[in-house]
Amino acid sequence: MQFFSQYKLYLFLGVAVVIAIGAWFVLSEPSQEELTTTSVNGSGVDKDLVGTLLQLRTVSLSGTVFSDPAFQSLQDFGTQIIPEPVGRPNPFAPASYRPTSTASGNKLFPAR
């Protein structure tokens, strides 16, 4: 309590300065910066992309590719995927957990 009575004037001036600075930031108008806009005309890369897309639009796919001898001479080097056994019903359960059978019916809501 002695601190407040001893430095009352300094505390009052400090609070007044903080309020004055806050009011100045809140009430001052933002600076009027002129916004500049630049227009970008189509560049060479854009024109090349549009040209390529127009060429792709004219491509038509037909089934004649599959009857071509070059396509039929292709060999499949893929590997067969062998089915693996399924793991535990709940992989996050402890190892000593044994699942219970639900053959006896619903235990939460038994039949009446």
PDB file of N, CA and C in Angstrom:
ATOM      1  N   MET A   1       0.814  -1.185   0.000  1.00  0.00           N
ATOM      2  CA  MET A   1       0.000   0.000   0.000  1.00  0.00           C
ATOM      3  C   MET A   1       0.859   1.250   0.000  1.00  0.00           C
ATOM      4  N   GLN A   2       1.997   1.148   0.661  1.00  0.00           N
ATOM      5  CA  GLN A   2       2.898   2.294   0.727  1.00  0.00           C
ATOM      6  C   GLN A   2       3.456   2.598  -0.666  1.00  0.00           C
ATOM      7  N   PHE A   3       3.617   1.560  -1.487  1.00  0.00           N
ATOM      8  CA  PHE A   3       4.141   1.742  -2.838  1.00  0.00           C
ATOM      9  C   PHE A   3       3.217   2.635  -3.654  1.00  0.00           C
ATOM     10  N   PHE A   4       1.888   2.377  -3.586  1.00  0.00           N
ATOM     11  CA  PHE A   4       0.932   3.158  -4.359  1.00  0.00           C
ATOM     12  C   PHE A   4       0.874   4.609  -3.908  1.00  0.00           C
ATOM     13  N   SER A   5       0.925   4.832  -2.621  1.00  0.00           N
ATOM     14  CA  SER A   5       0.864   6.217  -2.137  1.00  0.00           C
ATOM     15  C   SER A   5       2.143   6.974  -2.476  1.00  0.00           C
ATOM     16  N   GLN A   6       3.262   6.269  -2.524  1.00  0.00           N
ATOM     17  CA  GLN A   6       4.541   6.923  -2.796  1.00  0.00           C
ATOM     18  C   GLN A   6       4.689   7.253  -4.285  1.00  0.00           C
ATOM     19  N   TYR A   7       4.202   6.381  -5.163  1.00  0.00           N
ATOM     20  CA  TYR A   7       4.383   6.568  -6.608  1.00  0.00           C
ATOM     21  C   TYR A   7       3.057   6.808  -7.328  1.00  0.00           C
ATOM     22  N   LYS A   8       2.101   7.419  -6.669  1.00  0.00           N
ATOM     23  CA  LYS A   8       0.776   7.658  -7.219  1.00  0.00           C
ATOM     24  C   LYS A   8       0.846   8.516  -8.478  1.00  0.00           C
ATOM     25  N   LEU A   9       1.632   9.556  -8.456  1.00  0.00           N
ATOM     26  CA  LEU A   9       1.738  10.472  -9.595  1.00  0.00           C
ATOM     27  C   LEU A   9       2.342   9.758 -10.803  1.00  0.00           C
ATOM     28  N   TYR A  10       3.390   8.963 -10.588  1.00  0.00           N
ATOM     29  CA  TYR A  10       4.030   8.253 -11.697  1.00  0.00           C
ATOM     30  C   TYR A  10       3.092   7.205 -12.305  1.00  0.00           C
ATOM     31  N   LEU A  11       2.354   6.511 -11.462  1.00  0.00           N
ATOM     32  CA  LEU A  11       1.402   5.526 -11.963  1.00  0.00           C
ATOM     33  C   LEU A  11       0.304   6.193 -12.786  1.00  0.00           C
ATOM     34  N   PHE A  12      -0.195   7.324 -12.305  1.00  0.00           N
ATOM     35  CA  PHE A  12      -1.229   8.059 -13.022  1.00  0.00           C
ATOM     36  C   PHE A  12      -0.709   8.525 -14.380  1.00  0.00           C
ATOM     37  N   LEU A  13       0.499   9.057 -14.421  1.00  0.00           N
ATOM     38  CA  LEU A  13       1.073   9.517 -15.689  1.00  0.00           C
ATOM     39  C   LEU A  13       1.321   8.339 -16.641  1.00  0.00           C
ATOM     40  N   GLY A  14       1.773   7.203 -16.115  1.00  0.00           N
ATOM     41  CA  GLY A  14       2.015   6.026 -16.955  1.00  0.00           C
ATOM     42  C   GLY A  14       0.735   5.509 -17.582  1.00  0.00           C
ATOM     43  N   VAL A  15      -0.329   5.426 -16.789  1.00  0.00           N
ATOM     44  CA  VAL A  15      -1.618   4.974 -17.312  1.00  0.00           C
ATOM     45  C   VAL A  15      -2.143   5.959 -18.341  1.00  0.00           C
ATOM     46  N   ALA A  16      -1.982   7.257 -18.082  1.00  0.00           N
ATOM     47  CA  ALA A  16      -2.446   8.279 -19.019  1.00  0.00           C
ATOM     48  C   ALA A  16      -1.693   8.181 -20.341  1.00  0.00           C
ATOM     49  N   VAL A  17      -0.388   7.921 -20.291  1.00  0.00           N
ATOM     50  CA  VAL A  17       0.399   7.798 -21.525  1.00  0.00           C
ATOM     51  C   VAL A  17      -0.036   6.569 -22.313  1.00  0.00           C
ATOM     52  N   VAL A  18      -0.272   5.455 -21.633  1.00  0.00           N
ATOM     53  CA  VAL A  18      -0.713   4.237 -22.316  1.00  0.00           C
ATOM     54  C   VAL A  18      -2.072   4.459 -22.970  1.00  0.00           C
ATOM     55  N   ILE A  19      -2.979   5.117 -22.272  1.00  0.00           N
ATOM     56  CA  ILE A  19      -4.305   5.400 -22.840  1.00  0.00           C
ATOM     57  C   ILE A  19      -4.179   6.336 -24.030  1.00  0.00           C
ATOM     58  N   ALA A  20      -3.320   7.344 -23.935  1.00  0.00           N
ATOM     59  CA  ALA A  20      -3.138   8.293 -25.034  1.00  0.00           C
ATOM     60  C   ALA A  20      -2.571   7.592 -26.271  1.00  0.00           C
ATOM     61  N   ILE A  21      -1.596   6.715 -26.079  1.00  0.00           N
ATOM     62  CA  ILE A  21      -1.020   5.998 -27.222  1.00  0.00           C
ATOM     63  C   ILE A  21      -2.056   5.063 -27.840  1.00  0.00           C
ATOM     64  N   GLY A  22      -2.828   4.370 -27.012  1.00  0.00           N
ATOM     65  CA  GLY A  22      -3.871   3.490 -27.524  1.00  0.00           C
ATOM     66  C   GLY A  22      -4.928   4.256 -28.292  1.00  0.00           C
ATOM     67  N   ALA A  23      -5.337   5.415 -27.771  1.00  0.00           N
ATOM     68  CA  ALA A  23      -6.334   6.231 -28.463  1.00  0.00           C
ATOM     69  C   ALA A  23      -5.786   6.734 -29.790  1.00  0.00           C
ATOM     70  N   TRP A  24      -4.510   7.091 -29.822  1.00  0.00           N
ATOM     71  CA  TRP A  24      -3.919   7.601 -31.061  1.00  0.00           C
ATOM     72  C   TRP A  24      -3.924   6.515 -32.141  1.00  0.00           C
ATOM     73  N   PHE A  25      -3.589   5.262 -31.761  1.00  0.00           N
ATOM     74  CA  PHE A  25      -3.588   4.177 -32.737  1.00  0.00           C
ATOM     75  C   PHE A  25      -4.999   3.836 -33.200  1.00  0.00           C
ATOM     76  N   VAL A  26      -5.950   3.879 -32.291  1.00  0.00           N
ATOM     77  CA  VAL A  26      -7.316   3.502 -32.645  1.00  0.00           C
ATOM     78  C   VAL A  26      -7.991   4.582 -33.478  1.00  0.00           C
ATOM     79  N   LEU A  27      -7.811   5.830 -33.095  1.00  0.00           N
ATOM     80  CA  LEU A  27      -8.542   6.909 -33.742  1.00  0.00           C
ATOM     81  C   LEU A  27      -7.848   7.491 -34.965  1.00  0.00           C
ATOM     82  N   SER A  28      -6.579   7.223 -35.147  1.00  0.00           N
ATOM     83  CA  SER A  28      -5.889   7.791 -36.309  1.00  0.00           C
ATOM     84  C   SER A  28      -6.336   7.065 -37.566  1.00  0.00           C
ATOM     85  N   GLU A  29      -6.424   7.806 -38.649  1.00  0.00           N
ATOM     86  CA  GLU A  29      -6.840   7.230 -39.918  1.00  0.00           C
ATOM     87  C   GLU A  29      -5.667   6.475 -40.539  1.00  0.00           C
ATOM     88  N   PRO A  30      -5.947   5.405 -41.221  1.00  0.00           N
ATOM     89  CA  PRO A  30      -4.855   4.690 -41.878  1.00  0.00           C
ATOM     90  C   PRO A  30      -4.268   5.537 -42.997  1.00  0.00           C
ATOM     91  N   SER A  31      -3.012   5.309 -43.273  1.00  0.00           N
ATOM     92  CA  SER A  31      -2.357   6.089 -44.323  1.00  0.00           C
ATOM     93  C   SER A  31      -2.978   5.749 -45.666  1.00  0.00           C
ATOM     94  N   GLN A  32      -3.120   6.752 -46.476  1.00  0.00           N
ATOM     95  CA  GLN A  32      -3.740   6.597 -47.782  1.00  0.00           C
ATOM     96  C   GLN A  32      -2.675   6.198 -48.803  1.00  0.00           C
ATOM     97  N   GLU A  33      -2.413   4.924 -48.881  1.00  0.00           N
ATOM     98  CA  GLU A  33      -1.462   4.441 -49.865  1.00  0.00           C
ATOM     99  C   GLU A  33      -2.213   4.179 -51.160  1.00  0.00           C
ATOM    100  N   GLU A  34      -1.636   4.625 -52.239  1.00  0.00           N
ATOM    101  CA  GLU A  34      -2.273   4.386 -53.518  1.00  0.00           C
ATOM    102  C   GLU A  34      -2.007   2.955 -53.946  1.00  0.00           C
ATOM    103  N   LEU A  35      -3.066   2.322 -54.347  1.00  0.00           N
ATOM    104  CA  LEU A  35      -2.936   0.955 -54.803  1.00  0.00           C
ATOM    105  C   LEU A  35      -2.552   0.961 -56.272  1.00  0.00           C
ATOM    106  N   THR A  36      -1.604   0.159 -56.615  1.00  0.00           N
ATOM    107  CA  THR A  36      -1.187   0.069 -58.005  1.00  0.00           C
ATOM    108  C   THR A  36      -1.605  -1.281 -58.547  1.00  0.00           C
ATOM    109  N   THR A  37      -2.091  -1.271 -59.744  1.00  0.00           N
ATOM    110  CA  THR A  37      -2.471  -2.514 -60.392  1.00  0.00           C
ATOM    111  C   THR A  37      -1.617  -2.686 -61.634  1.00  0.00           C
ATOM    112  N   THR A  38      -1.248  -3.885 -61.867  1.00  0.00           N
ATOM    113  CA  THR A  38      -0.487  -4.191 -63.068  1.00  0.00           C
ATOM    114  C   THR A  38      -1.244  -5.244 -63.843  1.00  0.00           C
ATOM    115  N   SER A  39      -1.359  -5.030 -65.111  1.00  0.00           N
ATOM    116  CA  SER A  39      -2.037  -6.009 -65.946  1.00  0.00           C
ATOM    117  C   SER A  39      -0.976  -6.835 -66.657  1.00  0.00           C
ATOM    118  N   VAL A  40      -1.197  -8.122 -66.635  1.00  0.00           N
ATOM    119  CA  VAL A  40      -0.243  -9.036 -67.249  1.00  0.00           C
ATOM    120  C   VAL A  40      -0.880  -9.580 -68.510  1.00  0.00           C
ATOM    121  N   ASN A  41      -0.250  -9.316 -69.605  1.00  0.00           N
ATOM    122  CA  ASN A  41      -0.724  -9.880 -70.864  1.00  0.00           C
ATOM    123  C   ASN A  41      -0.235 -11.313 -70.958  1.00  0.00           C
ATOM    124  N   GLY A  42      -0.872 -12.086 -71.790  1.00  0.00           N
ATOM    125  CA  GLY A  42      -0.498 -13.484 -71.923  1.00  0.00           C
ATOM    126  C   GLY A  42       0.969 -13.637 -72.292  1.00  0.00           C
ATOM    127  N   SER A  43       1.685 -14.394 -71.515  1.00  0.00           N
ATOM    128  CA  SER A  43       3.103 -14.601 -71.788  1.00  0.00           C
ATOM    129  C   SER A  43       3.265 -15.762 -72.765  1.00  0.00           C
ATOM    130  N   GLY A  44       4.483 -15.985 -73.193  1.00  0.00           N
ATOM    131  CA  GLY A  44       4.769 -17.049 -74.143  1.00  0.00           C
ATOM    132  C   GLY A  44       4.476 -18.420 -73.582  1.00  0.00           C
ATOM    133  N   VAL A  45       4.722 -18.593 -72.285  1.00  0.00           N
ATOM    134  CA  VAL A  45       4.463 -19.891 -71.656  1.00  0.00           C
ATOM    135  C   VAL A  45       2.970 -20.180 -71.662  1.00  0.00           C
ATOM    136  N   ASP A  46       2.165 -19.166 -71.379  1.00  0.00           N
ATOM    137  CA  ASP A  46       0.716 -19.357 -71.383  1.00  0.00           C
ATOM    138  C   ASP A  46       0.216 -19.721 -72.773  1.00  0.00           C
ATOM    139  N   LYS A  47       0.766 -19.061 -73.785  1.00  0.00           N
ATOM    140  CA  LYS A  47       0.337 -19.346 -75.155  1.00  0.00           C
ATOM    141  C   LYS A  47       0.729 -20.757 -75.561  1.00  0.00           C
ATOM    142  N   ASP A  48       1.909 -21.206 -75.130  1.00  0.00           N
ATOM    143  CA  ASP A  48       2.327 -22.572 -75.433  1.00  0.00           C
ATOM    144  C   ASP A  48       1.407 -23.584 -74.760  1.00  0.00           C
ATOM    145  N   LEU A  49       1.023 -23.297 -73.528  1.00  0.00           N
ATOM    146  CA  LEU A  49       0.136 -24.198 -72.798  1.00  0.00           C
ATOM    147  C   LEU A  49      -1.225 -24.285 -73.470  1.00  0.00           C
ATOM    148  N   VAL A  50      -1.748 -23.152 -73.898  1.00  0.00           N
ATOM    149  CA  VAL A  50      -3.048 -23.147 -74.570  1.00  0.00           C
ATOM    150  C   VAL A  50      -2.958 -23.911 -75.883  1.00  0.00           C
ATOM    151  N   GLY A  51      -1.862 -23.731 -76.609  1.00  0.00           N
ATOM    152  CA  GLY A  51      -1.681 -24.464 -77.864  1.00  0.00           C
ATOM    153  C   GLY A  51      -1.631 -25.967 -77.641  1.00  0.00           C
ATOM    154  N   THR A  52      -0.925 -26.387 -76.604  1.00  0.00           N
ATOM    155  CA  THR A  52      -0.840 -27.815 -76.293  1.00  0.00           C
ATOM    156  C   THR A  52      -2.202 -28.370 -75.898  1.00  0.00           C
ATOM    157  N   LEU A  53      -2.951 -27.610 -75.115  1.00  0.00           N
ATOM    158  CA  LEU A  53      -4.289 -28.070 -74.722  1.00  0.00           C
ATOM    159  C   LEU A  53      -5.220 -28.171 -75.923  1.00  0.00           C
ATOM    160  N   LEU A  54      -5.097 -27.254 -76.873  1.00  0.00           N
ATOM    161  CA  LEU A  54      -5.925 -27.336 -78.076  1.00  0.00           C
ATOM    162  C   LEU A  54      -5.549 -28.550 -78.921  1.00  0.00           C
ATOM    163  N   GLN A  55      -4.262 -28.893 -78.960  1.00  0.00           N
ATOM    164  CA  GLN A  55      -3.847 -30.092 -79.692  1.00  0.00           C
ATOM    165  C   GLN A  55      -4.379 -31.350 -79.014  1.00  0.00           C
ATOM    166  N   LEU A  56      -4.372 -31.365 -77.690  1.00  0.00           N
ATOM    167  CA  LEU A  56      -4.880 -32.533 -76.972  1.00  0.00           C
ATOM    168  C   LEU A  56      -6.383 -32.697 -77.145  1.00  0.00           C
ATOM    169  N   ARG A  57      -7.072 -31.611 -77.372  1.00  0.00           N
ATOM    170  CA  ARG A  57      -8.520 -31.682 -77.542  1.00  0.00           C
ATOM    171  C   ARG A  57      -8.873 -32.443 -78.821  1.00  0.00           C
ATOM    172  N   THR A  58      -7.993 -32.378 -79.828  1.00  0.00           N
ATOM    173  CA  THR A  58      -8.286 -33.039 -81.098  1.00  0.00           C
ATOM    174  C   THR A  58      -7.965 -34.528 -81.070  1.00  0.00           C
ATOM    175  N   VAL A  59      -7.303 -35.018 -80.038  1.00  0.00           N
ATOM    176  CA  VAL A  59      -6.945 -36.433 -79.953  1.00  0.00           C
ATOM    177  C   VAL A  59      -8.190 -37.248 -79.636  1.00  0.00           C
ATOM    178  N   SER A  60      -8.382 -38.310 -80.395  1.00  0.00           N
ATOM    179  CA  SER A  60      -9.509 -39.208 -80.117  1.00  0.00           C
ATOM    180  C   SER A  60      -8.948 -40.607 -79.886  1.00  0.00           C
ATOM    181  N   LEU A  61      -9.452 -41.257 -78.885  1.00  0.00           N
ATOM    182  CA  LEU A  61      -9.008 -42.605 -78.553  1.00  0.00           C
ATOM    183  C   LEU A  61     -10.014 -43.607 -79.097  1.00  0.00           C
ATOM    184  N   SER A  62      -9.492 -44.605 -79.773  1.00  0.00           N
ATOM    185  CA  SER A  62     -10.366 -45.656 -80.289  1.00  0.00           C
ATOM    186  C   SER A  62      -9.792 -47.003 -79.877  1.00  0.00           C
ATOM    187  N   GLY A  63     -10.537 -48.043 -80.097  1.00  0.00           N
ATOM    188  CA  GLY A  63     -10.122 -49.378 -79.695  1.00  0.00           C
ATOM    189  C   GLY A  63      -9.126 -50.019 -80.643  1.00  0.00           C
ATOM    190  N   THR A  64      -8.744 -49.331 -81.701  1.00  0.00           N
ATOM    191  CA  THR A  64      -7.808 -49.926 -82.661  1.00  0.00           C
ATOM    192  C   THR A  64      -6.423 -50.108 -82.063  1.00  0.00           C
ATOM    193  N   VAL A  65      -6.111 -49.388 -81.011  1.00  0.00           N
ATOM    194  CA  VAL A  65      -4.808 -49.527 -80.365  1.00  0.00           C
ATOM    195  C   VAL A  65      -4.662 -50.933 -79.795  1.00  0.00           C
ATOM    196  N   PHE A  66      -5.732 -51.484 -79.258  1.00  0.00           N
ATOM    197  CA  PHE A  66      -5.668 -52.798 -78.619  1.00  0.00           C
ATOM    198  C   PHE A  66      -5.547 -53.935 -79.635  1.00  0.00           C
ATOM    199  N   SER A  67      -5.939 -53.714 -80.871  1.00  0.00           N
ATOM    200  CA  SER A  67      -5.803 -54.754 -81.894  1.00  0.00           C
ATOM    201  C   SER A  67      -4.474 -54.647 -82.639  1.00  0.00           C
ATOM    202  N   ASP A  68      -3.682 -53.670 -82.329  1.00  0.00           N
ATOM    203  CA  ASP A  68      -2.377 -53.484 -82.963  1.00  0.00           C
ATOM    204  C   ASP A  68      -1.444 -54.628 -82.553  1.00  0.00           C
ATOM    205  N   PRO A  69      -0.668 -55.202 -83.483  1.00  0.00           N
ATOM    206  CA  PRO A  69       0.250 -56.301 -83.125  1.00  0.00           C
ATOM    207  C   PRO A  69       1.310 -55.881 -82.109  1.00  0.00           C
ATOM    208  N   ALA A  70       1.733 -54.640 -82.130  1.00  0.00           N
ATOM    209  CA  ALA A  70       2.735 -54.181 -81.163  1.00  0.00           C
ATOM    210  C   ALA A  70       2.159 -54.212 -79.750  1.00  0.00           C
ATOM    211  N   PHE A  71       0.888 -53.855 -79.607  1.00  0.00           N
ATOM    212  CA  PHE A  71       0.259 -53.893 -78.287  1.00  0.00           C
ATOM    213  C   PHE A  71       0.062 -55.331 -77.826  1.00  0.00           C
ATOM    214  N   GLN A  72      -0.321 -56.199 -78.746  1.00  0.00           N
ATOM    215  CA  GLN A  72      -0.569 -57.588 -78.384  1.00  0.00           C
ATOM    216  C   GLN A  72       0.716 -58.338 -78.059  1.00  0.00           C
ATOM    217  N   SER A  73       1.858 -57.840 -78.521  1.00  0.00           N
ATOM    218  CA  SER A  73       3.123 -58.512 -78.219  1.00  0.00           C
ATOM    219  C   SER A  73       3.686 -58.107 -76.858  1.00  0.00           C
ATOM    220  N   LEU A  74       3.050 -57.172 -76.181  1.00  0.00           N
ATOM    221  CA  LEU A  74       3.519 -56.759 -74.856  1.00  0.00           C
ATOM    222  C   LEU A  74       3.322 -57.888 -73.851  1.00  0.00           C
ATOM    223  N   GLN A  75       4.253 -58.006 -72.892  1.00  0.00           N
ATOM    224  CA  GLN A  75       4.169 -59.048 -71.876  1.00  0.00           C
ATOM    225  C   GLN A  75       3.912 -58.412 -70.514  1.00  0.00           C
ATOM    226  N   ASP A  76       3.165 -59.122 -69.689  1.00  0.00           N
ATOM    227  CA  ASP A  76       2.875 -58.645 -68.341  1.00  0.00           C
ATOM    228  C   ASP A  76       3.950 -59.161 -67.394  1.00  0.00           C
ATOM    229  N   PHE A  77       4.700 -58.237 -66.785  1.00  0.00           N
ATOM    230  CA  PHE A  77       5.741 -58.609 -65.832  1.00  0.00           C
ATOM    231  C   PHE A  77       5.290 -58.374 -64.392  1.00  0.00           C
ATOM    232  N   GLY A  78       4.009 -58.212 -64.173  1.00  0.00           N
ATOM    233  CA  GLY A  78       3.485 -57.975 -62.833  1.00  0.00           C
ATOM    234  C   GLY A  78       3.587 -59.221 -61.969  1.00  0.00           C
ATOM    235  N   THR A  79       3.477 -59.027 -60.683  1.00  0.00           N
ATOM    236  CA  THR A  79       3.506 -60.154 -59.753  1.00  0.00           C
ATOM    237  C   THR A  79       2.113 -60.373 -59.193  1.00  0.00           C
ATOM    238  N   GLN A  80       1.805 -61.628 -58.953  1.00  0.00           N
ATOM    239  CA  GLN A  80       0.500 -61.978 -58.402  1.00  0.00           C
ATOM    240  C   GLN A  80       0.456 -61.603 -56.928  1.00  0.00           C
ATOM    241  N   ILE A  81      -0.625 -60.998 -56.502  1.00  0.00           N
ATOM    242  CA  ILE A  81      -0.798 -60.644 -55.095  1.00  0.00           C
ATOM    243  C   ILE A  81      -1.451 -61.821 -54.390  1.00  0.00           C
ATOM    244  N   ILE A  82      -0.735 -62.354 -53.415  1.00  0.00           N
ATOM    245  CA  ILE A  82      -1.218 -63.520 -52.682  1.00  0.00           C
ATOM    246  C   ILE A  82      -2.018 -63.038 -51.477  1.00  0.00           C
ATOM    247  N   PRO A  83      -3.228 -63.558 -51.278  1.00  0.00           N
ATOM    248  CA  PRO A  83      -4.016 -63.132 -50.117  1.00  0.00           C
ATOM    249  C   PRO A  83      -3.338 -63.556 -48.818  1.00  0.00           C
ATOM    250  N   GLU A  84      -3.296 -62.659 -47.873  1.00  0.00           N
ATOM    251  CA  GLU A  84      -2.678 -62.903 -46.571  1.00  0.00           C
ATOM    252  C   GLU A  84      -3.768 -63.160 -45.535  1.00  0.00           C
ATOM    253  N   PRO A  85      -3.440 -63.903 -44.468  1.00  0.00           N
ATOM    254  CA  PRO A  85      -4.441 -64.120 -43.419  1.00  0.00           C
ATOM    255  C   PRO A  85      -4.753 -62.809 -42.693  1.00  0.00           C
ATOM    256  N   VAL A  86      -5.985 -62.714 -42.243  1.00  0.00           N
ATOM    257  CA  VAL A  86      -6.446 -61.517 -41.554  1.00  0.00           C
ATOM    258  C   VAL A  86      -5.937 -61.548 -40.120  1.00  0.00           C
ATOM    259  N   GLY A  87      -5.592 -60.383 -39.576  1.00  0.00           N
ATOM    260  CA  GLY A  87      -5.089 -60.295 -38.207  1.00  0.00           C
ATOM    261  C   GLY A  87      -6.196 -60.369 -37.176  1.00  0.00           C
ATOM    262  N   ARG A  88      -5.920 -59.847 -35.998  1.00  0.00           N
ATOM    263  CA  ARG A  88      -6.880 -59.885 -34.896  1.00  0.00           C
ATOM    264  C   ARG A  88      -8.055 -58.951 -35.186  1.00  0.00           C
ATOM    265  N   PRO A  89      -9.218 -59.222 -34.588  1.00  0.00           N
ATOM    266  CA  PRO A  89     -10.371 -58.338 -34.797  1.00  0.00           C
ATOM    267  C   PRO A  89     -10.114 -56.923 -34.296  1.00  0.00           C
ATOM    268  N   ASN A  90      -9.419 -56.797 -33.165  1.00  0.00           N
ATOM    269  CA  ASN A  90      -9.094 -55.482 -32.623  1.00  0.00           C
ATOM    270  C   ASN A  90      -7.581 -55.438 -32.409  1.00  0.00           C
ATOM    271  N   PRO A  91      -6.830 -54.834 -33.334  1.00  0.00           N
ATOM    272  CA  PRO A  91      -5.373 -54.842 -33.200  1.00  0.00           C
ATOM    273  C   PRO A  91      -4.873 -53.997 -32.040  1.00  0.00           C
ATOM    274  N   PHE A  92      -5.704 -53.142 -31.475  1.00  0.00           N
ATOM    275  CA  PHE A  92      -5.293 -52.271 -30.380  1.00  0.00           C
ATOM    276  C   PHE A  92      -5.572 -52.880 -29.006  1.00  0.00           C
ATOM    277  N   ALA A  93      -6.244 -54.010 -28.980  1.00  0.00           N
ATOM    278  CA  ALA A  93      -6.531 -54.671 -27.706  1.00  0.00           C
ATOM    279  C   ALA A  93      -5.260 -55.332 -27.182  1.00  0.00           C
ATOM    280  N   PRO A  94      -5.157 -55.548 -25.856  1.00  0.00           N
ATOM    281  CA  PRO A  94      -3.976 -56.231 -25.306  1.00  0.00           C
ATOM    282  C   PRO A  94      -3.843 -57.639 -25.884  1.00  0.00           C
ATOM    283  N   ALA A  95      -2.632 -58.172 -25.854  1.00  0.00           N
ATOM    284  CA  ALA A  95      -2.373 -59.493 -26.438  1.00  0.00           C
ATOM    285  C   ALA A  95      -3.152 -60.585 -25.720  1.00  0.00           C
ATOM    286  N   SER A  96      -3.448 -60.414 -24.436  1.00  0.00           N
ATOM    287  CA  SER A  96      -4.176 -61.436 -23.682  1.00  0.00           C
ATOM    288  C   SER A  96      -5.686 -61.343 -23.896  1.00  0.00           C
ATOM    289  N   TYR A  97      -6.140 -60.386 -24.674  1.00  0.00           N
ATOM    290  CA  TYR A  97      -7.571 -60.178 -24.911  1.00  0.00           C
ATOM    291  C   TYR A  97      -8.112 -61.293 -25.789  1.00  0.00           C
ATOM    292  N   ARG A  98      -9.226 -61.891 -25.364  1.00  0.00           N
ATOM    293  CA  ARG A  98      -9.883 -62.910 -26.168  1.00  0.00           C
ATOM    294  C   ARG A  98     -11.271 -62.378 -26.522  1.00  0.00           C
ATOM    295  N   PRO A  99     -11.571 -62.312 -27.805  1.00  0.00           N
ATOM    296  CA  PRO A  99     -12.888 -61.787 -28.185  1.00  0.00           C
ATOM    297  C   PRO A  99     -13.999 -62.707 -27.714  1.00  0.00           C
ATOM    298  N   THR A 100     -15.081 -62.116 -27.273  1.00  0.00           N
ATOM    299  CA  THR A 100     -16.227 -62.900 -26.815  1.00  0.00           C
ATOM    300  C   THR A 100     -17.168 -63.129 -27.975  1.00  0.00           C
ATOM    301  N   SER A 101     -17.866 -64.209 -27.913  1.00  0.00           N
ATOM    302  CA  SER A 101     -18.804 -64.552 -28.966  1.00  0.00           C
ATOM    303  C   SER A 101     -20.112 -63.807 -28.729  1.00  0.00           C
ATOM    304  N   THR A 102     -20.714 -63.348 -29.793  1.00  0.00           N
ATOM    305  CA  THR A 102     -22.008 -62.676 -29.689  1.00  0.00           C
ATOM    306  C   THR A 102     -23.134 -63.612 -30.095  1.00  0.00           C
ATOM    307  N   ALA A 103     -22.854 -64.912 -30.104  1.00  0.00           N
ATOM    308  CA  ALA A 103     -23.871 -65.881 -30.511  1.00  0.00           C
ATOM    309  C   ALA A 103     -25.015 -65.937 -29.511  1.00  0.00           C
ATOM    310  N   SER A 104     -24.762 -65.576 -28.243  1.00  0.00           N
ATOM    311  CA  SER A 104     -25.812 -65.648 -27.230  1.00  0.00           C
ATOM    312  C   SER A 104     -26.791 -64.491 -27.347  1.00  0.00           C
ATOM    313  N   GLY A 105     -26.523 -63.550 -28.205  1.00  0.00           N
ATOM    314  CA  GLY A 105     -27.446 -62.448 -28.399  1.00  0.00           C
ATOM    315  C   GLY A 105     -26.872 -61.140 -27.909  1.00  0.00           C
ATOM    316  N   ASN A 106     -27.712 -60.152 -27.910  1.00  0.00           N
ATOM    317  CA  ASN A 106     -27.316 -58.817 -27.508  1.00  0.00           C
ATOM    318  C   ASN A 106     -27.380 -58.721 -25.994  1.00  0.00           C
ATOM    319  N   LYS A 107     -26.245 -58.484 -25.343  1.00  0.00           N
ATOM    320  CA  LYS A 107     -26.220 -58.429 -23.885  1.00  0.00           C
ATOM    321  C   LYS A 107     -26.594 -57.053 -23.357  1.00  0.00           C
ATOM    322  N   LEU A 108     -26.454 -56.035 -24.184  1.00  0.00           N
ATOM    323  CA  LEU A 108     -26.785 -54.690 -23.738  1.00  0.00           C
ATOM    324  C   LEU A 108     -28.302 -54.505 -23.668  1.00  0.00           C
ATOM    325  N   PHE A 109     -28.985 -54.972 -24.688  1.00  0.00           N
ATOM    326  CA  PHE A 109     -30.437 -54.890 -24.724  1.00  0.00           C
ATOM    327  C   PHE A 109     -30.993 -56.307 -24.903  1.00  0.00           C
ATOM    328  N   PRO A 110     -31.147 -57.067 -23.816  1.00  0.00           N
ATOM    329  CA  PRO A 110     -31.623 -58.450 -23.956  1.00  0.00           C
ATOM    330  C   PRO A 110     -33.066 -58.484 -24.448  1.00  0.00           C
ATOM    331  N   ALA A 111     -33.402 -59.582 -25.105  1.00  0.00           N
ATOM    332  CA  ALA A 111     -34.766 -59.755 -25.613  1.00  0.00           C
ATOM    333  C   ALA A 111     -35.725 -59.926 -24.456  1.00  0.00           C
ATOM    334  N   ARG A 112     -36.957 -59.485 -24.618  1.00  0.00           N
ATOM    335  CA  ARG A 112     -37.964 -59.575 -23.549  1.00  0.00           C
ATOM    336  C   ARG A 112     -38.831 -60.773 -23.725  1.00  0.00           C
TER     337      ARG A 112
END
